Amino acid sequence: MSGDSPCQGRGTTVVGRRPAGKAVTGGGTLRADARQNRARILESAETVFDAQGPSASTEEIARKAGVAIGTVFRHFPTKAALVEAVFVGRLARLATHAEKLAESEEAGVAFFDFFTTWAELSAAKHSFADALADEGVDVRAAAERGPYPAVRRELAAAVETLLTRAQAAGAVRADIGMPELNALLIGVARAVEQVRDAPAVRRRLLGAILDGLRRP
């Protein structure tokens, strides 16, 4: 006589147990929808922030994403959380861009490409920081939590590689180290912010800074 229960015979399923190889369709579909909604919200937020600045309303972002305002707040409980997520996403893409440039055969071109990209994004960077501060967020504390520290470390490592390779190629002056470069990146961010509505002035300013970095 078999020790199996009659309820566990061939072709039957015990109540509450999922048959092997079968997916839970309900939960899986909901999770996929949630991921899709989150991605759509972030994409729409970035577009709206680019056009109107990070002070743009969450209602406008919800309309552009095609979701209810409640859906936005389910993913991002506060406006600050949404602004921070968009900012970290941009920083992560910048880190990825720097890592790809660090593999370029044209080390000097890669370094100056990154510096230019950083400068172009700098005005937006400070707008996001200002928006977070306006929402009552301690920006310094926010920079030490969540995914931001890891992204920042990845970016710093890639930038150091870009600098080292550009110097080895003779494209960047040898007396510039990471402390000097970091100070320059912060400085150019603030400088570009002052002339963000004057593209010609911004180009001349950036050109002067880049010329100062080139090896004589």
N, C-alpha and C. Protein backbone atom coordinates (compact mmCIF):
# COMPACT_ATOMS: atom_id res chain seq x y z
N MET A 1 0.85 -1.19 0.00
CA MET A 1 0.00 0.00 0.00
C MET A 1 0.89 1.24 0.00
N SER A 2 0.58 2.19 -0.87
CA SER A 2 1.39 3.39 -0.98
C SER A 2 1.19 4.28 0.22
N GLY A 3 2.29 4.99 0.58
CA GLY A 3 2.21 5.93 1.69
C GLY A 3 1.71 7.28 1.28
N ASP A 4 1.47 7.52 -0.04
CA ASP A 4 1.00 8.82 -0.50
C ASP A 4 -0.46 9.01 -0.15
N SER A 5 -0.83 10.24 0.16
CA SER A 5 -2.23 10.56 0.39
C SER A 5 -2.98 10.50 -0.93
N PRO A 6 -4.23 10.09 -0.93
CA PRO A 6 -5.03 10.07 -2.15
C PRO A 6 -5.11 11.45 -2.79
N CYS A 7 -4.96 12.49 -1.99
CA CYS A 7 -5.04 13.86 -2.53
C CYS A 7 -3.75 14.27 -3.23
N GLN A 8 -2.70 13.44 -3.19
CA GLN A 8 -1.43 13.78 -3.82
C GLN A 8 -1.10 12.81 -4.94
N GLY A 9 -2.12 12.22 -5.51
CA GLY A 9 -1.90 11.30 -6.60
C GLY A 9 -1.48 12.03 -7.86
N ARG A 10 -1.16 11.27 -8.90
CA ARG A 10 -0.71 11.84 -10.16
C ARG A 10 -1.78 12.76 -10.74
N GLY A 11 -1.36 13.95 -11.14
CA GLY A 11 -2.29 14.87 -11.79
C GLY A 11 -3.08 15.71 -10.82
N THR A 12 -2.87 15.54 -9.51
CA THR A 12 -3.60 16.36 -8.55
C THR A 12 -2.66 17.34 -7.89
N THR A 13 -3.25 18.35 -7.27
CA THR A 13 -2.46 19.39 -6.63
C THR A 13 -2.96 19.62 -5.23
N VAL A 14 -2.05 19.68 -4.27
CA VAL A 14 -2.44 19.97 -2.90
C VAL A 14 -2.84 21.43 -2.82
N VAL A 15 -3.93 21.72 -2.12
CA VAL A 15 -4.40 23.09 -1.99
C VAL A 15 -3.32 23.94 -1.33
N GLY A 16 -3.06 25.13 -1.92
CA GLY A 16 -2.08 26.05 -1.34
C GLY A 16 -0.67 25.82 -1.86
N ARG A 17 -0.45 24.80 -2.68
CA ARG A 17 0.88 24.54 -3.22
C ARG A 17 0.86 24.80 -4.71
N ARG A 18 1.91 25.46 -5.23
CA ARG A 18 1.99 25.77 -6.65
C ARG A 18 2.66 24.63 -7.38
N PRO A 19 2.06 24.11 -8.48
CA PRO A 19 2.70 23.05 -9.24
C PRO A 19 4.06 23.50 -9.75
N ALA A 20 5.01 22.57 -9.78
CA ALA A 20 6.36 22.90 -10.25
C ALA A 20 6.31 23.40 -11.68
N GLY A 21 7.11 24.45 -11.95
CA GLY A 21 7.21 24.96 -13.31
C GLY A 21 6.13 25.96 -13.67
N LYS A 22 5.18 26.20 -12.77
CA LYS A 22 4.11 27.15 -13.06
C LYS A 22 4.43 28.50 -12.45
N ALA A 23 4.11 29.59 -13.15
CA ALA A 23 4.34 30.93 -12.64
C ALA A 23 3.09 31.45 -11.95
N VAL A 24 3.29 32.29 -10.96
CA VAL A 24 2.16 32.95 -10.33
C VAL A 24 1.81 34.15 -11.20
N THR A 25 0.78 34.02 -12.01
CA THR A 25 0.50 35.04 -13.02
C THR A 25 0.02 36.34 -12.43
N GLY A 26 -0.83 36.27 -11.42
CA GLY A 26 -1.39 37.50 -10.87
C GLY A 26 -0.33 38.42 -10.31
N GLY A 27 0.46 37.91 -9.32
CA GLY A 27 1.48 38.74 -8.69
C GLY A 27 2.55 39.17 -9.66
N GLY A 28 2.95 38.23 -10.56
CA GLY A 28 4.00 38.57 -11.51
C GLY A 28 3.58 39.69 -12.43
N THR A 29 2.32 39.65 -12.89
CA THR A 29 1.83 40.69 -13.78
C THR A 29 1.79 42.04 -13.07
N LEU A 30 1.34 42.03 -11.81
CA LEU A 30 1.29 43.27 -11.05
C LEU A 30 2.68 43.85 -10.86
N ARG A 31 3.64 43.00 -10.57
CA ARG A 31 5.00 43.49 -10.37
C ARG A 31 5.55 44.08 -11.66
N ALA A 32 5.27 43.43 -12.78
CA ALA A 32 5.73 43.95 -14.07
C ALA A 32 5.08 45.29 -14.37
N ASP A 33 3.78 45.41 -14.08
CA ASP A 33 3.08 46.67 -14.30
C ASP A 33 3.66 47.77 -13.43
N ALA A 34 3.97 47.42 -12.19
CA ALA A 34 4.53 48.41 -11.27
C ALA A 34 5.88 48.91 -11.77
N ARG A 35 6.71 47.98 -12.25
CA ARG A 35 8.01 48.39 -12.79
C ARG A 35 7.84 49.29 -14.00
N GLN A 36 6.88 48.94 -14.84
CA GLN A 36 6.63 49.74 -16.04
C GLN A 36 6.14 51.14 -15.67
N ASN A 37 5.24 51.20 -14.69
CA ASN A 37 4.74 52.50 -14.25
C ASN A 37 5.86 53.36 -13.66
N ARG A 38 6.71 52.74 -12.86
CA ARG A 38 7.82 53.48 -12.25
C ARG A 38 8.74 54.05 -13.32
N ALA A 39 9.08 53.21 -14.30
CA ALA A 39 9.96 53.67 -15.38
C ALA A 39 9.32 54.81 -16.16
N ARG A 40 8.01 54.70 -16.40
CA ARG A 40 7.30 55.74 -17.15
C ARG A 40 7.26 57.05 -16.36
N ILE A 41 7.06 56.94 -15.05
CA ILE A 41 7.03 58.13 -14.20
C ILE A 41 8.39 58.82 -14.20
N LEU A 42 9.46 58.04 -14.07
CA LEU A 42 10.81 58.63 -14.05
C LEU A 42 11.13 59.29 -15.39
N GLU A 43 10.77 58.62 -16.48
CA GLU A 43 11.03 59.19 -17.80
C GLU A 43 10.26 60.49 -17.99
N SER A 44 9.00 60.49 -17.58
CA SER A 44 8.18 61.70 -17.71
C SER A 44 8.69 62.81 -16.80
N ALA A 45 9.10 62.44 -15.59
CA ALA A 45 9.62 63.45 -14.66
C ALA A 45 10.86 64.11 -15.23
N GLU A 46 11.73 63.32 -15.83
CA GLU A 46 12.94 63.89 -16.40
C GLU A 46 12.61 64.86 -17.53
N THR A 47 11.66 64.48 -18.38
CA THR A 47 11.25 65.36 -19.49
C THR A 47 10.65 66.65 -18.97
N VAL A 48 9.76 66.53 -17.98
CA VAL A 48 9.10 67.71 -17.42
C VAL A 48 10.10 68.59 -16.68
N PHE A 49 11.01 67.98 -15.93
CA PHE A 49 12.01 68.75 -15.20
C PHE A 49 12.94 69.49 -16.17
N ASP A 50 13.27 68.84 -17.29
CA ASP A 50 14.12 69.50 -18.28
C ASP A 50 13.45 70.74 -18.85
N ALA A 51 12.14 70.65 -19.04
CA ALA A 51 11.40 71.76 -19.64
C ALA A 51 11.05 72.85 -18.63
N GLN A 52 10.70 72.44 -17.41
CA GLN A 52 10.17 73.40 -16.44
C GLN A 52 11.01 73.54 -15.17
N GLY A 53 12.03 72.68 -15.04
CA GLY A 53 12.81 72.69 -13.81
C GLY A 53 12.20 71.74 -12.80
N PRO A 54 12.97 71.35 -11.78
CA PRO A 54 12.48 70.37 -10.80
C PRO A 54 11.38 70.90 -9.89
N SER A 55 11.02 72.17 -10.04
CA SER A 55 9.89 72.69 -9.26
C SER A 55 8.55 72.38 -9.94
N ALA A 56 8.60 71.75 -11.12
CA ALA A 56 7.37 71.40 -11.84
C ALA A 56 6.48 70.51 -10.97
N SER A 57 5.18 70.56 -11.23
CA SER A 57 4.23 69.86 -10.37
C SER A 57 4.20 68.36 -10.67
N THR A 58 3.90 67.59 -9.63
CA THR A 58 3.76 66.14 -9.81
C THR A 58 2.52 65.82 -10.64
N GLU A 59 1.52 66.70 -10.61
CA GLU A 59 0.32 66.49 -11.43
C GLU A 59 0.69 66.49 -12.92
N GLU A 60 1.56 67.41 -13.31
CA GLU A 60 2.01 67.48 -14.71
C GLU A 60 2.76 66.21 -15.08
N ILE A 61 3.58 65.71 -14.17
CA ILE A 61 4.35 64.49 -14.42
C ILE A 61 3.40 63.30 -14.57
N ALA A 62 2.39 63.23 -13.70
CA ALA A 62 1.42 62.14 -13.78
C ALA A 62 0.68 62.17 -15.11
N ARG A 63 0.28 63.36 -15.55
CA ARG A 63 -0.43 63.48 -16.83
C ARG A 63 0.45 62.99 -17.98
N LYS A 64 1.70 63.40 -17.97
CA LYS A 64 2.60 63.01 -19.06
C LYS A 64 2.86 61.50 -19.04
N ALA A 65 2.93 60.93 -17.84
CA ALA A 65 3.18 59.49 -17.72
C ALA A 65 1.93 58.66 -18.00
N GLY A 66 0.76 59.32 -18.00
CA GLY A 66 -0.48 58.60 -18.24
C GLY A 66 -0.92 57.77 -17.05
N VAL A 67 -0.59 58.24 -15.84
CA VAL A 67 -0.98 57.52 -14.64
C VAL A 67 -1.69 58.48 -13.70
N ALA A 68 -2.38 57.92 -12.71
CA ALA A 68 -3.04 58.75 -11.71
C ALA A 68 -1.99 59.32 -10.75
N ILE A 69 -2.31 60.46 -10.15
CA ILE A 69 -1.38 61.08 -9.22
C ILE A 69 -1.09 60.14 -8.04
N GLY A 70 -2.08 59.33 -7.68
CA GLY A 70 -1.87 58.37 -6.59
C GLY A 70 -0.81 57.34 -6.93
N THR A 71 -0.72 56.98 -8.22
CA THR A 71 0.31 56.03 -8.65
C THR A 71 1.70 56.62 -8.48
N VAL A 72 1.82 57.91 -8.80
CA VAL A 72 3.11 58.58 -8.62
C VAL A 72 3.53 58.50 -7.16
N PHE A 73 2.59 58.80 -6.26
CA PHE A 73 2.94 58.83 -4.84
C PHE A 73 3.08 57.44 -4.22
N ARG A 74 2.55 56.42 -4.88
CA ARG A 74 2.81 55.06 -4.40
C ARG A 74 4.27 54.69 -4.63
N HIS A 75 4.82 55.16 -5.74
CA HIS A 75 6.23 54.87 -6.04
C HIS A 75 7.17 55.85 -5.36
N PHE A 76 6.73 57.11 -5.26
CA PHE A 76 7.57 58.16 -4.68
C PHE A 76 6.71 58.93 -3.68
N PRO A 77 6.80 58.58 -2.40
CA PRO A 77 5.89 59.14 -1.39
C PRO A 77 5.92 60.66 -1.28
N THR A 78 7.04 61.27 -1.68
CA THR A 78 7.14 62.73 -1.62
C THR A 78 7.72 63.25 -2.92
N LYS A 79 7.51 64.54 -3.16
CA LYS A 79 8.10 65.18 -4.34
C LYS A 79 9.63 65.07 -4.27
N ALA A 80 10.17 65.23 -3.07
CA ALA A 80 11.62 65.16 -2.90
C ALA A 80 12.15 63.79 -3.32
N ALA A 81 11.41 62.72 -3.00
CA ALA A 81 11.84 61.37 -3.37
C ALA A 81 11.91 61.22 -4.89
N LEU A 82 10.97 61.83 -5.59
CA LEU A 82 10.96 61.77 -7.05
C LEU A 82 12.12 62.57 -7.63
N VAL A 83 12.33 63.77 -7.12
CA VAL A 83 13.45 64.60 -7.59
C VAL A 83 14.77 63.88 -7.36
N GLU A 84 14.91 63.28 -6.19
CA GLU A 84 16.14 62.58 -5.86
C GLU A 84 16.36 61.38 -6.78
N ALA A 85 15.29 60.64 -7.08
CA ALA A 85 15.41 59.47 -7.95
C ALA A 85 15.85 59.87 -9.36
N VAL A 86 15.30 60.97 -9.87
CA VAL A 86 15.68 61.45 -11.20
C VAL A 86 17.15 61.88 -11.19
N PHE A 87 17.54 62.59 -10.14
CA PHE A 87 18.92 63.07 -10.05
C PHE A 87 19.91 61.90 -9.98
N VAL A 88 19.62 60.91 -9.14
CA VAL A 88 20.51 59.76 -9.01
C VAL A 88 20.58 59.00 -10.34
N GLY A 89 19.45 58.92 -11.04
CA GLY A 89 19.44 58.26 -12.35
C GLY A 89 20.35 58.97 -13.34
N ARG A 90 20.31 60.29 -13.32
CA ARG A 90 21.19 61.06 -14.21
C ARG A 90 22.66 60.84 -13.85
N LEU A 91 22.93 60.83 -12.56
CA LEU A 91 24.31 60.64 -12.11
C LEU A 91 24.80 59.24 -12.50
N ALA A 92 23.92 58.25 -12.40
CA ALA A 92 24.30 56.89 -12.77
C ALA A 92 24.62 56.81 -14.26
N ARG A 93 23.84 57.51 -15.08
CA ARG A 93 24.13 57.52 -16.52
C ARG A 93 25.44 58.23 -16.81
N LEU A 94 25.72 59.28 -16.04
CA LEU A 94 26.99 59.98 -16.21
C LEU A 94 28.15 59.06 -15.84
N ALA A 95 27.99 58.28 -14.78
CA ALA A 95 29.03 57.33 -14.38
C ALA A 95 29.25 56.28 -15.47
N THR A 96 28.16 55.78 -16.05
CA THR A 96 28.27 54.81 -17.14
C THR A 96 28.97 55.42 -18.34
N HIS A 97 28.63 56.67 -18.64
CA HIS A 97 29.27 57.39 -19.75
C HIS A 97 30.77 57.52 -19.49
N ALA A 98 31.14 57.87 -18.26
CA ALA A 98 32.56 58.02 -17.91
C ALA A 98 33.29 56.68 -18.02
N GLU A 99 32.64 55.61 -17.59
CA GLU A 99 33.27 54.28 -17.67
C GLU A 99 33.52 53.87 -19.12
N LYS A 100 32.57 54.18 -19.99
CA LYS A 100 32.76 53.86 -21.41
C LYS A 100 33.87 54.70 -22.02
N LEU A 101 33.90 55.99 -21.66
CA LEU A 101 34.95 56.86 -22.16
C LEU A 101 36.33 56.39 -21.69
N ALA A 102 36.38 55.84 -20.48
CA ALA A 102 37.66 55.39 -19.92
C ALA A 102 38.26 54.24 -20.71
N GLU A 103 37.45 53.61 -21.56
CA GLU A 103 37.94 52.50 -22.39
C GLU A 103 38.33 52.97 -23.79
N SER A 104 38.15 54.26 -24.05
CA SER A 104 38.44 54.80 -25.39
C SER A 104 39.94 54.79 -25.68
N GLU A 105 40.27 54.59 -26.94
CA GLU A 105 41.68 54.63 -27.35
C GLU A 105 42.19 56.07 -27.37
N GLU A 106 41.29 57.03 -27.56
CA GLU A 106 41.67 58.44 -27.57
C GLU A 106 41.50 59.01 -26.16
N ALA A 107 42.52 58.80 -25.32
CA ALA A 107 42.41 59.14 -23.90
C ALA A 107 42.18 60.63 -23.67
N GLY A 108 42.88 61.46 -24.43
CA GLY A 108 42.71 62.90 -24.25
C GLY A 108 41.33 63.37 -24.66
N VAL A 109 40.88 62.91 -25.81
CA VAL A 109 39.54 63.26 -26.29
C VAL A 109 38.48 62.81 -25.29
N ALA A 110 38.67 61.61 -24.74
CA ALA A 110 37.71 61.06 -23.78
C ALA A 110 37.63 61.93 -22.53
N PHE A 111 38.79 62.35 -22.02
CA PHE A 111 38.81 63.18 -20.82
C PHE A 111 38.07 64.49 -21.04
N PHE A 112 38.37 65.18 -22.14
CA PHE A 112 37.75 66.48 -22.39
C PHE A 112 36.27 66.32 -22.76
N ASP A 113 35.91 65.19 -23.35
CA ASP A 113 34.50 64.89 -23.62
C ASP A 113 33.74 64.82 -22.30
N PHE A 114 34.31 64.08 -21.34
CA PHE A 114 33.64 63.96 -20.04
C PHE A 114 33.52 65.32 -19.36
N PHE A 115 34.60 66.09 -19.37
CA PHE A 115 34.58 67.39 -18.69
C PHE A 115 33.49 68.28 -19.28
N THR A 116 33.36 68.25 -20.61
CA THR A 116 32.34 69.05 -21.28
C THR A 116 30.94 68.58 -20.91
N THR A 117 30.75 67.25 -20.89
CA THR A 117 29.45 66.69 -20.51
C THR A 117 29.08 67.09 -19.09
N TRP A 118 30.05 66.99 -18.19
CA TRP A 118 29.83 67.40 -16.79
C TRP A 118 29.38 68.85 -16.72
N ALA A 119 30.07 69.72 -17.46
CA ALA A 119 29.75 71.14 -17.42
C ALA A 119 28.33 71.39 -17.93
N GLU A 120 27.94 70.68 -18.99
CA GLU A 120 26.61 70.88 -19.56
C GLU A 120 25.51 70.42 -18.60
N LEU A 121 25.81 69.43 -17.78
CA LEU A 121 24.82 68.91 -16.83
C LEU A 121 24.83 69.65 -15.50
N SER A 122 25.82 70.49 -15.30
CA SER A 122 26.02 71.08 -13.97
C SER A 122 24.90 72.00 -13.53
N ALA A 123 24.39 72.81 -14.45
CA ALA A 123 23.31 73.73 -14.07
C ALA A 123 22.11 72.94 -13.57
N ALA A 124 21.79 71.85 -14.27
CA ALA A 124 20.67 71.01 -13.85
C ALA A 124 20.95 70.37 -12.50
N LYS A 125 22.21 69.97 -12.28
CA LYS A 125 22.59 69.33 -11.01
C LYS A 125 22.26 70.24 -9.83
N HIS A 126 22.64 71.51 -9.95
CA HIS A 126 22.40 72.42 -8.83
C HIS A 126 20.92 72.77 -8.71
N SER A 127 20.19 72.77 -9.83
CA SER A 127 18.75 72.99 -9.75
C SER A 127 18.08 71.89 -8.94
N PHE A 128 18.54 70.65 -9.14
CA PHE A 128 17.98 69.53 -8.39
C PHE A 128 18.32 69.67 -6.91
N ALA A 129 19.55 70.05 -6.61
CA ALA A 129 19.94 70.22 -5.21
C ALA A 129 19.12 71.32 -4.56
N ASP A 130 18.90 72.41 -5.29
CA ASP A 130 18.09 73.51 -4.75
C ASP A 130 16.65 73.07 -4.51
N ALA A 131 16.12 72.26 -5.45
CA ALA A 131 14.74 71.78 -5.31
C ALA A 131 14.61 70.88 -4.08
N LEU A 132 15.60 70.03 -3.85
CA LEU A 132 15.56 69.17 -2.66
C LEU A 132 15.61 70.01 -1.39
N ALA A 133 16.45 71.04 -1.39
CA ALA A 133 16.54 71.91 -0.22
C ALA A 133 15.21 72.63 0.01
N ASP A 134 14.56 73.05 -1.08
CA ASP A 134 13.26 73.72 -0.96
C ASP A 134 12.20 72.80 -0.36
N GLU A 135 12.38 71.48 -0.59
CA GLU A 135 11.43 70.50 -0.04
C GLU A 135 11.78 70.13 1.41
N GLY A 136 12.79 70.81 1.97
CA GLY A 136 13.17 70.54 3.35
C GLY A 136 14.13 69.38 3.52
N VAL A 137 14.76 68.94 2.42
CA VAL A 137 15.69 67.81 2.49
C VAL A 137 17.08 68.31 2.84
N ASP A 138 17.74 67.63 3.76
CA ASP A 138 19.14 67.90 4.06
C ASP A 138 19.96 67.27 2.94
N VAL A 139 20.43 68.09 2.01
CA VAL A 139 21.09 67.58 0.81
C VAL A 139 22.35 66.81 1.15
N ARG A 140 23.11 67.29 2.12
CA ARG A 140 24.34 66.58 2.51
C ARG A 140 24.02 65.20 3.08
N ALA A 141 22.98 65.13 3.90
CA ALA A 141 22.59 63.83 4.46
C ALA A 141 22.06 62.91 3.37
N ALA A 142 21.30 63.47 2.43
CA ALA A 142 20.74 62.67 1.33
C ALA A 142 21.85 62.07 0.48
N ALA A 143 22.97 62.78 0.39
CA ALA A 143 24.09 62.30 -0.43
C ALA A 143 24.79 61.09 0.19
N GLU A 144 24.45 60.77 1.44
CA GLU A 144 25.11 59.66 2.12
C GLU A 144 24.20 58.46 2.29
N ARG A 145 23.04 58.46 1.65
CA ARG A 145 22.11 57.34 1.82
C ARG A 145 21.66 56.80 0.46
N GLY A 146 21.00 55.66 0.52
CA GLY A 146 20.44 55.07 -0.70
C GLY A 146 21.52 54.73 -1.71
N PRO A 147 21.19 54.80 -3.00
CA PRO A 147 22.14 54.41 -4.04
C PRO A 147 23.19 55.48 -4.34
N TYR A 148 22.99 56.70 -3.82
CA TYR A 148 23.86 57.81 -4.20
C TYR A 148 25.34 57.56 -3.90
N PRO A 149 25.72 57.10 -2.70
CA PRO A 149 27.15 56.90 -2.41
C PRO A 149 27.82 55.92 -3.37
N ALA A 150 27.13 54.83 -3.71
CA ALA A 150 27.72 53.84 -4.62
C ALA A 150 27.91 54.43 -6.01
N VAL A 151 26.91 55.18 -6.48
CA VAL A 151 27.01 55.81 -7.81
C VAL A 151 28.14 56.82 -7.81
N ARG A 152 28.25 57.56 -6.73
CA ARG A 152 29.30 58.58 -6.64
C ARG A 152 30.69 57.93 -6.66
N ARG A 153 30.83 56.79 -5.98
CA ARG A 153 32.12 56.08 -5.98
C ARG A 153 32.46 55.58 -7.38
N GLU A 154 31.46 55.05 -8.08
CA GLU A 154 31.69 54.58 -9.45
C GLU A 154 32.14 55.73 -10.35
N LEU A 155 31.48 56.87 -10.19
CA LEU A 155 31.82 58.03 -11.01
C LEU A 155 33.23 58.51 -10.70
N ALA A 156 33.57 58.58 -9.41
CA ALA A 156 34.90 59.05 -9.02
C ALA A 156 36.00 58.14 -9.56
N ALA A 157 35.77 56.83 -9.51
CA ALA A 157 36.76 55.88 -10.01
C ALA A 157 36.95 56.04 -11.52
N ALA A 158 35.85 56.22 -12.24
CA ALA A 158 35.93 56.37 -13.69
C ALA A 158 36.64 57.67 -14.06
N VAL A 159 36.36 58.75 -13.32
CA VAL A 159 36.99 60.04 -13.60
C VAL A 159 38.49 59.97 -13.33
N GLU A 160 38.87 59.28 -12.27
CA GLU A 160 40.30 59.14 -11.97
C GLU A 160 41.01 58.37 -13.09
N THR A 161 40.35 57.35 -13.61
CA THR A 161 40.92 56.59 -14.73
C THR A 161 41.06 57.48 -15.96
N LEU A 162 40.04 58.29 -16.23
CA LEU A 162 40.10 59.22 -17.37
C LEU A 162 41.28 60.17 -17.24
N LEU A 163 41.46 60.72 -16.04
CA LEU A 163 42.56 61.66 -15.81
C LEU A 163 43.91 60.98 -15.98
N THR A 164 44.08 59.82 -15.36
CA THR A 164 45.36 59.11 -15.43
C THR A 164 45.73 58.76 -16.86
N ARG A 165 44.76 58.27 -17.62
CA ARG A 165 45.03 57.88 -19.01
C ARG A 165 45.33 59.10 -19.88
N ALA A 166 44.61 60.20 -19.65
CA ALA A 166 44.84 61.41 -20.43
C ALA A 166 46.22 61.99 -20.15
N GLN A 167 46.66 61.92 -18.90
CA GLN A 167 48.00 62.39 -18.56
C GLN A 167 49.07 61.49 -19.17
N ALA A 168 48.84 60.19 -19.15
CA ALA A 168 49.80 59.25 -19.74
C ALA A 168 49.92 59.47 -21.25
N ALA A 169 48.83 59.93 -21.85
CA ALA A 169 48.83 60.19 -23.30
C ALA A 169 49.40 61.56 -23.63
N GLY A 170 49.73 62.34 -22.59
CA GLY A 170 50.29 63.67 -22.82
C GLY A 170 49.27 64.73 -23.16
N ALA A 171 48.00 64.46 -22.90
CA ALA A 171 46.94 65.40 -23.26
C ALA A 171 46.61 66.38 -22.13
N VAL A 172 46.86 65.96 -20.89
CA VAL A 172 46.52 66.79 -19.73
C VAL A 172 47.79 67.03 -18.91
N ARG A 173 47.94 68.22 -18.40
CA ARG A 173 49.14 68.57 -17.64
C ARG A 173 49.33 67.63 -16.46
N ALA A 174 50.57 67.33 -16.16
CA ALA A 174 50.90 66.30 -15.18
C ALA A 174 50.73 66.75 -13.74
N ASP A 175 50.64 68.07 -13.51
CA ASP A 175 50.56 68.55 -12.12
C ASP A 175 49.13 68.65 -11.61
N ILE A 176 48.19 68.09 -12.35
CA ILE A 176 46.79 68.07 -11.92
C ILE A 176 46.48 66.71 -11.31
N GLY A 177 46.05 66.72 -10.05
CA GLY A 177 45.63 65.48 -9.40
C GLY A 177 44.13 65.50 -9.17
N MET A 178 43.62 64.47 -8.52
CA MET A 178 42.19 64.41 -8.26
C MET A 178 41.70 65.55 -7.36
N PRO A 179 42.47 65.98 -6.34
CA PRO A 179 41.98 67.12 -5.54
C PRO A 179 41.76 68.37 -6.40
N GLU A 180 42.72 68.65 -7.29
CA GLU A 180 42.58 69.82 -8.17
C GLU A 180 41.42 69.63 -9.15
N LEU A 181 41.32 68.42 -9.70
CA LEU A 181 40.26 68.17 -10.68
C LEU A 181 38.88 68.27 -10.03
N ASN A 182 38.74 67.71 -8.83
CA ASN A 182 37.46 67.80 -8.13
C ASN A 182 37.07 69.26 -7.87
N ALA A 183 38.06 70.06 -7.46
CA ALA A 183 37.79 71.48 -7.22
C ALA A 183 37.37 72.18 -8.51
N LEU A 184 38.03 71.82 -9.61
CA LEU A 184 37.67 72.41 -10.91
C LEU A 184 36.27 72.01 -11.34
N LEU A 185 35.91 70.74 -11.12
CA LEU A 185 34.58 70.27 -11.51
C LEU A 185 33.50 71.00 -10.71
N ILE A 186 33.75 71.20 -9.43
CA ILE A 186 32.79 71.95 -8.60
C ILE A 186 32.73 73.40 -9.07
N GLY A 187 33.91 73.97 -9.34
CA GLY A 187 33.95 75.36 -9.77
C GLY A 187 33.27 75.59 -11.11
N VAL A 188 33.52 74.69 -12.07
CA VAL A 188 32.90 74.86 -13.38
C VAL A 188 31.39 74.69 -13.29
N ALA A 189 30.94 73.84 -12.36
CA ALA A 189 29.50 73.66 -12.17
C ALA A 189 28.85 74.98 -11.77
N ARG A 190 29.46 75.66 -10.82
CA ARG A 190 28.91 76.94 -10.36
C ARG A 190 29.05 78.02 -11.44
N ALA A 191 30.18 78.01 -12.14
CA ALA A 191 30.40 79.02 -13.17
C ALA A 191 29.40 78.87 -14.31
N VAL A 192 29.19 77.64 -14.75
CA VAL A 192 28.24 77.39 -15.85
C VAL A 192 26.83 77.76 -15.44
N GLU A 193 26.52 77.53 -14.16
CA GLU A 193 25.19 77.88 -13.67
C GLU A 193 24.92 79.38 -13.83
N GLN A 194 25.95 80.19 -13.67
CA GLN A 194 25.78 81.64 -13.77
C GLN A 194 25.50 82.10 -15.20
N VAL A 195 25.92 81.31 -16.19
CA VAL A 195 25.76 81.73 -17.59
C VAL A 195 24.95 80.70 -18.38
N ARG A 196 24.07 79.97 -17.70
CA ARG A 196 23.34 78.90 -18.39
C ARG A 196 22.41 79.42 -19.47
N ASP A 197 22.04 80.71 -19.40
CA ASP A 197 21.16 81.28 -20.43
C ASP A 197 21.95 82.00 -21.52
N ALA A 198 23.28 81.85 -21.50
CA ALA A 198 24.13 82.50 -22.50
C ALA A 198 25.07 81.45 -23.09
N PRO A 199 24.60 80.67 -24.06
CA PRO A 199 25.40 79.55 -24.60
C PRO A 199 26.77 79.96 -25.12
N ALA A 200 26.86 81.10 -25.79
CA ALA A 200 28.15 81.53 -26.35
C ALA A 200 29.15 81.83 -25.24
N VAL A 201 28.68 82.50 -24.19
CA VAL A 201 29.55 82.79 -23.05
C VAL A 201 29.97 81.48 -22.38
N ARG A 202 29.03 80.55 -22.27
CA ARG A 202 29.34 79.26 -21.64
C ARG A 202 30.41 78.52 -22.42
N ARG A 203 30.32 78.54 -23.74
CA ARG A 203 31.32 77.85 -24.57
C ARG A 203 32.70 78.48 -24.40
N ARG A 204 32.75 79.82 -24.38
CA ARG A 204 34.05 80.48 -24.21
C ARG A 204 34.64 80.19 -22.83
N LEU A 205 33.78 80.21 -21.83
CA LEU A 205 34.23 79.92 -20.47
C LEU A 205 34.79 78.51 -20.38
N LEU A 206 34.06 77.56 -20.92
CA LEU A 206 34.50 76.17 -20.87
C LEU A 206 35.79 75.99 -21.67
N GLY A 207 35.88 76.66 -22.81
CA GLY A 207 37.10 76.56 -23.62
C GLY A 207 38.32 77.06 -22.87
N ALA A 208 38.16 78.15 -22.12
CA ALA A 208 39.28 78.70 -21.35
C ALA A 208 39.72 77.73 -20.26
N ILE A 209 38.75 77.09 -19.61
CA ILE A 209 39.08 76.13 -18.55
C ILE A 209 39.78 74.91 -19.14
N LEU A 210 39.28 74.41 -20.25
CA LEU A 210 39.90 73.23 -20.88
C LEU A 210 41.31 73.55 -21.36
N ASP A 211 41.51 74.75 -21.90
CA ASP A 211 42.86 75.14 -22.33
C ASP A 211 43.83 75.13 -21.16
N GLY A 212 43.34 75.52 -19.98
CA GLY A 212 44.19 75.53 -18.80
C GLY A 212 44.57 74.13 -18.33
N LEU A 213 43.78 73.13 -18.72
CA LEU A 213 44.07 71.75 -18.32
C LEU A 213 45.02 71.05 -19.30
N ARG A 214 45.11 71.58 -20.50
CA ARG A 214 45.92 70.90 -21.52
C ARG A 214 47.41 71.01 -21.19
N ARG A 215 48.12 69.98 -21.56
CA ARG A 215 49.57 69.99 -21.34
C ARG A 215 50.21 71.00 -22.29
N PRO A 216 51.08 71.88 -21.76
CA PRO A 216 51.72 72.90 -22.61
C PRO A 216 52.54 72.26 -23.74
